Amino acid sequence: MTPEQAQMAEDLRREAEGLLDRWYPGTGVTVDWTGDAYLLQVARGYRLAAPIWVRPERLGTMEALIALRGELVRAAWRLATPERSPVG
């Protein structure tokens, strides 16, 4: 990982956690560089959301950043919402 990629991963993590701290305190985010894309993992308690893959070129527009924020909030919402079991 280059220093630029490491800095971008840290910037993504900080922004994601800052966003989620406002809506879903206690939700954590980790960001890893896979060589082709950033992997964002949203976690709450012992639960882990589906991975969010972000290619570097996707971070270049405001629309892409808004879409990413939406994905992060949806992932945190799914983790914060209790699962309902079917009534039999």
C-alpha atoms as a PDB file:
ATOM      1  CA  MET A   1       0.000   0.000   0.000  1.00  0.00           C
ATOM      2  CA  THR A   2       1.386   3.370  -0.965  1.00  0.00           C
ATOM      3  CA  PRO A   3       1.280   6.282   1.474  1.00  0.00           C
ATOM      4  CA  GLU A   4      -1.409   7.915  -0.693  1.00  0.00           C
ATOM      5  CA  GLN A   5      -3.596   4.792  -0.577  1.00  0.00           C
ATOM      6  CA  ALA A   6      -3.083   4.503   3.183  1.00  0.00           C
ATOM      7  CA  GLN A   7      -4.052   8.154   3.635  1.00  0.00           C
ATOM      8  CA  MET A   8      -7.167   7.699   1.478  1.00  0.00           C
ATOM      9  CA  ALA A   9      -8.168   4.633   3.515  1.00  0.00           C
ATOM     10  CA  GLU A  10      -7.775   6.592   6.755  1.00  0.00           C
ATOM     11  CA  ASP A  11      -9.721   9.554   5.323  1.00  0.00           C
ATOM     12  CA  LEU A  12     -12.534   7.228   4.230  1.00  0.00           C
ATOM     13  CA  ARG A  13     -12.648   5.603   7.678  1.00  0.00           C
ATOM     14  CA  ARG A  14     -12.754   8.920   9.511  1.00  0.00           C
ATOM     15  CA  GLU A  15     -15.456  10.344   7.261  1.00  0.00           C
ATOM     16  CA  ALA A  16     -17.543   7.169   7.493  1.00  0.00           C
ATOM     17  CA  GLU A  17     -17.276   6.979  11.278  1.00  0.00           C
ATOM     18  CA  GLY A  18     -18.047  10.692  11.596  1.00  0.00           C
ATOM     19  CA  LEU A  19     -21.187  10.230   9.514  1.00  0.00           C
ATOM     20  CA  LEU A  20     -22.341   7.132  11.369  1.00  0.00           C
ATOM     21  CA  ASP A  21     -21.609   8.597  14.808  1.00  0.00           C
ATOM     22  CA  ARG A  22     -24.327  11.156  14.113  1.00  0.00           C
ATOM     23  CA  TRP A  23     -26.928   8.572  13.103  1.00  0.00           C
ATOM     24  CA  TYR A  24     -25.877   5.314  14.751  1.00  0.00           C
ATOM     25  CA  PRO A  25     -23.406   5.875  17.628  1.00  0.00           C
ATOM     26  CA  GLY A  26     -21.397   2.777  18.425  1.00  0.00           C
ATOM     27  CA  THR A  27     -21.104   1.684  14.807  1.00  0.00           C
ATOM     28  CA  GLY A  28     -17.540   1.116  13.648  1.00  0.00           C
ATOM     29  CA  VAL A  29     -15.994   1.164  10.200  1.00  0.00           C
ATOM     30  CA  THR A  30     -12.791  -0.413   8.965  1.00  0.00           C
ATOM     31  CA  VAL A  31     -11.269   0.323   5.578  1.00  0.00           C
ATOM     32  CA  ASP A  32      -8.742  -1.869   3.789  1.00  0.00           C
ATOM     33  CA  TRP A  33      -7.045  -1.474   0.429  1.00  0.00           C
ATOM     34  CA  THR A  34      -7.190  -4.696  -1.604  1.00  0.00           C
ATOM     35  CA  GLY A  35      -4.963  -3.554  -4.459  1.00  0.00           C
ATOM     36  CA  ASP A  36      -7.913  -2.717  -6.725  1.00  0.00           C
ATOM     37  CA  ALA A  37     -10.536  -1.253  -4.418  1.00  0.00           C
ATOM     38  CA  TYR A  38     -11.202  -0.120  -0.881  1.00  0.00           C
ATOM     39  CA  LEU A  39     -13.189  -2.531   1.277  1.00  0.00           C
ATOM     40  CA  LEU A  40     -15.390  -0.820   3.864  1.00  0.00           C
ATOM     41  CA  GLN A  41     -16.772  -2.999   6.654  1.00  0.00           C
ATOM     42  CA  VAL A  42     -19.472  -1.610   8.925  1.00  0.00           C
ATOM     43  CA  ALA A  43     -19.816  -3.313  12.317  1.00  0.00           C
ATOM     44  CA  ARG A  44     -22.097  -2.899  15.308  1.00  0.00           C
ATOM     45  CA  GLY A  45     -21.812  -5.095  18.353  1.00  0.00           C
ATOM     46  CA  TYR A  46     -20.916  -8.536  17.070  1.00  0.00           C
ATOM     47  CA  ARG A  47     -22.672  -8.014  13.741  1.00  0.00           C
ATOM     48  CA  LEU A  48     -21.004  -7.211  10.447  1.00  0.00           C
ATOM     49  CA  ALA A  49     -22.773  -5.661   7.443  1.00  0.00           C
ATOM     50  CA  ALA A  50     -22.253  -6.786   3.879  1.00  0.00           C
ATOM     51  CA  PRO A  51     -18.988  -5.429   2.476  1.00  0.00           C
ATOM     52  CA  ILE A  52     -18.976  -2.154   0.578  1.00  0.00           C
ATOM     53  CA  TRP A  53     -16.469  -2.081  -2.275  1.00  0.00           C
ATOM     54  CA  VAL A  54     -15.247   1.297  -3.510  1.00  0.00           C
ATOM     55  CA  ARG A  55     -13.001   1.720  -6.515  1.00  0.00           C
ATOM     56  CA  PRO A  56     -10.722   4.780  -6.287  1.00  0.00           C
ATOM     57  CA  GLU A  57     -12.175   6.370  -9.414  1.00  0.00           C
ATOM     58  CA  ARG A  58     -15.626   6.248  -7.765  1.00  0.00           C
ATOM     59  CA  LEU A  59     -14.487   8.789  -5.180  1.00  0.00           C
ATOM     60  CA  GLY A  60     -14.012  11.524  -7.750  1.00  0.00           C
ATOM     61  CA  THR A  61     -17.534  12.972  -7.909  1.00  0.00           C
ATOM     62  CA  MET A  62     -19.971  14.437  -5.416  1.00  0.00           C
ATOM     63  CA  GLU A  63     -22.699  12.067  -6.654  1.00  0.00           C
ATOM     64  CA  ALA A  64     -20.482   9.067  -5.923  1.00  0.00           C
ATOM     65  CA  LEU A  65     -19.691  10.334  -2.414  1.00  0.00           C
ATOM     66  CA  ILE A  66     -23.393  10.901  -1.693  1.00  0.00           C
ATOM     67  CA  ALA A  67     -24.172   7.375  -2.930  1.00  0.00           C
ATOM     68  CA  LEU A  68     -21.421   5.967  -0.691  1.00  0.00           C
ATOM     69  CA  ARG A  69     -22.820   7.823   2.325  1.00  0.00           C
ATOM     70  CA  GLY A  70     -26.227   6.341   1.544  1.00  0.00           C
ATOM     71  CA  GLU A  71     -24.748   2.837   1.434  1.00  0.00           C
ATOM     72  CA  LEU A  72     -23.030   3.395   4.778  1.00  0.00           C
ATOM     73  CA  VAL A  73     -26.202   4.657   6.475  1.00  0.00           C
ATOM     74  CA  ARG A  74     -28.253   1.751   5.059  1.00  0.00           C
ATOM     75  CA  ALA A  75     -25.664  -0.754   6.276  1.00  0.00           C
ATOM     76  CA  ALA A  76     -25.661   0.773   9.772  1.00  0.00           C
ATOM     77  CA  TRP A  77     -29.469   0.885   9.819  1.00  0.00           C
ATOM     78  CA  ARG A  78     -29.664  -2.827   8.999  1.00  0.00           C
ATOM     79  CA  LEU A  79     -27.292  -3.585  11.872  1.00  0.00           C
ATOM     80  CA  ALA A  80     -29.170  -1.353  14.327  1.00  0.00           C
ATOM     81  CA  THR A  81     -32.615  -2.694  13.408  1.00  0.00           C
ATOM     82  CA  PRO A  82     -33.505  -5.905  15.239  1.00  0.00           C
ATOM     83  CA  GLU A  83     -34.230  -8.836  12.990  1.00  0.00           C
ATOM     84  CA  ARG A  84     -37.800  -9.956  13.069  1.00  0.00           C
ATOM     85  CA  SER A  85     -38.539 -13.626  13.109  1.00  0.00           C
ATOM     86  CA  PRO A  86     -41.543 -14.875  11.181  1.00  0.00           C
ATOM     87  CA  VAL A  87     -44.596 -15.610  13.287  1.00  0.00           C
ATOM     88  CA  GLY A  88     -45.773 -19.139  12.808  1.00  0.00           C
END
